Protein backbone atom coordinates (compact mmCIF):
# COMPACT_ATOMS: atom_id res chain seq x y z
CA MET A 1 8.30 -38.38 -1.69
CA GLY A 2 7.75 -40.64 -4.94
CA ARG A 3 4.10 -39.73 -5.63
CA GLU A 4 5.30 -36.13 -6.00
CA ARG A 5 8.01 -36.66 -8.12
CA ARG A 6 5.39 -38.72 -10.60
CA TYR A 7 3.13 -35.60 -10.40
CA VAL A 8 5.82 -33.34 -11.72
CA GLU A 9 6.92 -35.69 -14.07
CA GLN A 10 2.96 -36.08 -15.16
CA ILE A 11 1.99 -32.57 -15.24
CA ARG A 12 5.40 -31.39 -17.18
CA VAL A 13 3.87 -33.19 -20.20
CA LEU A 14 1.16 -30.64 -20.48
CA ASP A 15 1.57 -27.52 -22.68
CA ARG A 16 -0.92 -24.87 -22.72
CA LEU A 17 -3.47 -26.49 -24.62
CA GLY A 18 -2.97 -29.50 -21.99
CA LEU A 19 -3.67 -27.19 -18.90
CA LEU A 20 -6.54 -25.49 -20.47
CA ARG A 21 -8.28 -29.00 -20.89
CA LEU A 22 -7.05 -29.82 -17.21
CA TRP A 23 -8.39 -26.47 -15.98
CA GLU A 24 -11.56 -27.40 -17.79
CA TRP A 25 -11.92 -30.77 -16.24
CA LEU A 26 -11.28 -29.38 -12.79
CA GLN A 27 -13.82 -26.79 -12.69
CA ALA A 28 -16.22 -29.45 -13.36
CA GLY A 29 -15.47 -31.14 -10.45
CA LYS A 30 -14.34 -34.20 -11.99
CA PRO A 31 -11.39 -35.91 -10.32
CA VAL A 32 -7.99 -37.00 -11.96
CA SER A 33 -7.27 -40.72 -11.83
CA GLY A 34 -4.32 -41.34 -9.75
CA TRP A 35 -3.57 -37.80 -8.25
CA ALA A 36 -4.65 -37.06 -4.48
CA GLU A 37 -7.63 -34.78 -4.18
CA GLY A 38 -6.54 -30.80 -5.09
CA LYS A 39 -3.28 -31.82 -6.31
CA PRO A 40 -4.17 -31.57 -9.83
CA PHE A 41 -5.07 -27.39 -9.42
CA GLU A 42 -1.86 -27.22 -7.50
CA TYR A 43 0.42 -28.45 -9.97
CA LEU A 44 -1.17 -26.87 -12.77
CA ILE A 45 -0.63 -23.26 -11.45
CA LEU A 46 3.43 -24.38 -10.92
CA ARG A 47 3.43 -25.61 -14.57
CA ALA A 48 1.52 -22.71 -16.11
CA PHE A 49 4.31 -20.58 -14.54
CA GLU A 50 6.86 -23.06 -15.77
CA LEU A 51 5.73 -22.98 -19.14
CA GLU A 52 6.48 -19.02 -19.25
CA GLY A 53 10.25 -19.54 -18.17
CA ALA A 54 9.40 -18.79 -14.35
CA GLN A 55 11.55 -20.77 -12.12
CA VAL A 56 9.09 -22.74 -10.09
CA VAL A 57 10.12 -24.71 -6.83
CA TRP A 58 7.41 -27.76 -6.76
CA PRO A 59 5.62 -28.57 -3.61
CA TYR A 60 7.89 -28.74 -0.39
CA PHE A 61 7.57 -28.97 3.26
CA VAL A 62 9.68 -26.61 5.69
CA SER A 63 9.05 -28.52 8.53
CA LYS A 64 6.58 -31.35 9.44
CA PHE A 65 4.40 -28.28 10.41
CA GLU A 66 4.82 -26.12 7.38
CA GLN A 67 3.95 -27.56 3.57
CA ILE A 68 4.34 -25.06 0.91
CA ASP A 69 1.91 -25.60 -2.54
CA GLY A 70 4.98 -23.94 -4.19
CA ALA A 71 7.06 -20.82 -5.04
CA VAL A 72 7.54 -19.17 -8.36
CA PHE A 73 10.44 -16.90 -8.99
CA VAL A 74 9.48 -14.42 -12.26
CA ASP A 75 10.06 -10.78 -13.33
CA GLY A 76 11.73 -9.40 -10.24
CA LEU A 77 8.92 -10.84 -7.87
CA SER A 78 9.53 -14.16 -5.54
CA CYS A 79 6.21 -15.67 -4.51
CA LEU A 80 4.98 -18.17 -2.48
CA VAL A 81 1.89 -20.40 -3.88
CA GLU A 82 -1.11 -21.57 -2.13
CA SER A 83 -3.83 -23.58 -4.03
CA LYS A 84 -6.93 -24.20 -3.09
CA HIS A 85 -9.63 -26.28 -4.82
CA HIS A 86 -13.12 -26.32 -2.68
CA SER A 87 -16.33 -26.58 -3.72
CA ASN A 88 -17.13 -23.56 -1.07
CA ALA A 89 -15.52 -19.95 -1.22
CA LEU A 90 -13.17 -19.60 1.17
CA GLY A 91 -13.41 -17.54 4.27
CA PHE A 92 -10.62 -15.47 5.67
CA GLY A 93 -9.26 -18.12 7.85
CA PRO A 94 -6.80 -19.34 4.81
CA ILE A 95 -6.00 -16.25 3.94
CA ALA A 96 -4.42 -15.69 7.61
CA ARG A 97 -3.20 -18.80 8.04
CA PHE A 98 -1.10 -18.04 4.56
CA LYS A 99 -0.19 -14.69 5.41
CA ALA A 100 1.55 -15.51 8.56
CA ARG A 101 3.52 -18.26 6.37
CA LEU A 102 4.63 -15.36 4.47
CA ASP A 103 5.17 -13.07 7.62
CA ARG A 104 8.01 -15.74 7.79
CA ARG A 105 9.79 -14.71 4.73
CA PRO A 106 11.86 -11.57 3.79
CA SER A 107 9.26 -8.85 3.43
CA ALA A 108 9.45 -8.41 -0.44
CA ALA A 109 8.23 -12.03 -0.86
CA ILE A 110 4.35 -12.20 -2.11
CA GLY A 111 1.87 -14.80 -1.73
CA LEU A 112 -0.47 -15.96 -4.73
CA LEU A 113 -3.59 -17.73 -3.25
CA PHE A 114 -5.65 -19.48 -5.88
CA SER A 115 -9.07 -20.78 -5.25
CA VAL A 116 -11.26 -22.57 -7.39
CA SER A 117 -14.08 -21.21 -5.66
CA GLY A 118 -13.31 -17.86 -4.79
CA PHE A 119 -13.55 -16.07 -1.38
CA THR A 120 -16.52 -15.18 0.86
CA LYS A 121 -17.47 -11.20 0.57
CA PRO A 122 -16.79 -11.21 4.23
CA ALA A 123 -13.25 -12.72 3.75
CA LEU A 124 -12.59 -10.27 1.27
CA GLN A 125 -13.65 -7.19 3.40
CA GLU A 126 -11.51 -8.70 6.04
CA ALA A 127 -8.18 -9.14 3.56
CA LEU A 128 -8.94 -5.21 2.85
CA GLN A 129 -9.15 -4.18 6.42
CA HIS A 130 -6.22 -6.15 7.69
CA PRO A 131 -2.29 -5.74 6.49
CA THR A 132 -2.52 -8.68 3.99
CA ARG A 133 -1.64 -6.53 1.16
CA ASN A 134 1.03 -8.82 -0.06
CA VAL A 135 -1.01 -11.80 -0.90
CA LEU A 136 -2.79 -11.70 -4.25
CA LEU A 137 -6.13 -13.28 -3.92
CA TRP A 138 -7.16 -15.30 -7.40
CA LYS A 139 -10.44 -16.46 -8.14
CA ARG A 140 -11.89 -18.63 -10.73
CA PRO A 141 -12.15 -16.25 -13.48
CA ASP A 142 -8.61 -14.81 -12.79
CA ILE A 143 -7.23 -18.47 -13.31
CA THR A 144 -9.09 -18.58 -16.42
CA TYR A 145 -7.59 -15.11 -17.63
CA ALA A 146 -4.04 -16.08 -16.57
CA LEU A 147 -4.22 -19.59 -18.38
CA MET A 148 -5.50 -18.05 -21.51
CA ASN A 149 -3.38 -14.64 -21.57
CA GLY A 150 -0.27 -15.87 -19.87
CA MET A 151 0.60 -16.09 -16.41
CA ARG A 152 3.48 -13.60 -16.65
CA ALA A 153 1.34 -10.61 -17.73
CA ALA A 154 -1.40 -11.64 -15.26
CA ILE A 155 0.58 -11.66 -12.50
CA GLN A 156 2.04 -8.11 -13.36
CA LEU A 157 -1.23 -6.76 -13.76
CA LYS A 158 -2.27 -8.38 -10.59
CA TRP A 159 0.34 -6.75 -8.86
CA ARG A 160 -0.05 -3.31 -10.36
CA LYS A 161 -3.49 -3.30 -9.41
CA ALA A 162 -2.77 -4.22 -5.72
CA VAL A 163 -0.05 -1.18 -5.45
CA GLU A 164 -2.36 1.44 -7.72
CA LYS A 165 -5.60 0.49 -6.09
CA ALA A 166 -4.77 -1.46 -2.95
CA ALA A 167 -7.02 -4.49 -4.69
CA PRO A 168 -5.38 -7.67 -3.97
CA GLU A 169 -8.59 -9.20 -5.46
CA TYR A 170 -8.43 -7.08 -8.32
CA ASP A 171 -10.61 -8.88 -10.96
CA LEU A 172 -8.46 -9.54 -14.33
CA GLY A 173 -11.31 -9.39 -16.72
CA LYS A 174 -12.01 -5.75 -15.83
CA GLU A 175 -10.04 -4.38 -17.94
CA GLU A 176 -8.39 -4.61 -21.55
CA ASP A 177 -4.78 -2.78 -19.98
CA THR A 178 -2.65 -5.51 -19.58
């Protein structure tokens, strides 16, 4: 648990500009010294929400079989966070597993699945055909948009488009109507 606490302390020194620099570094595929693989991205997302006043629960274990990357409570939304920093686009498997974790929570909980590499076309098609509507899918451009324009504004737009258009993968850069 000491390493996780150290990650929180290290990420909390970063302001928005620091997070944007870290995001550029991570997109270039560079490792962060002293951090386990994937952890900088996971903590970057949570810190971005924290900077905007969201209540953040840092990574934790529910049981020895279930690890949660974090939780965010903001603007009336209760969200579980899952962050994936892989070199290849994600298939439907991680979406389905995350959805299963969400199904064990109250129905008002939503999932935020962030993926640096995005999602395969079949995964997106599958997500639209199955009842995964309470999982919002965030690709690299969405993450950049959110970090630059505000996580709170981004989640509100993403959620609104999921409700209006049944589009959990809505591209945040598509419209100017934040």
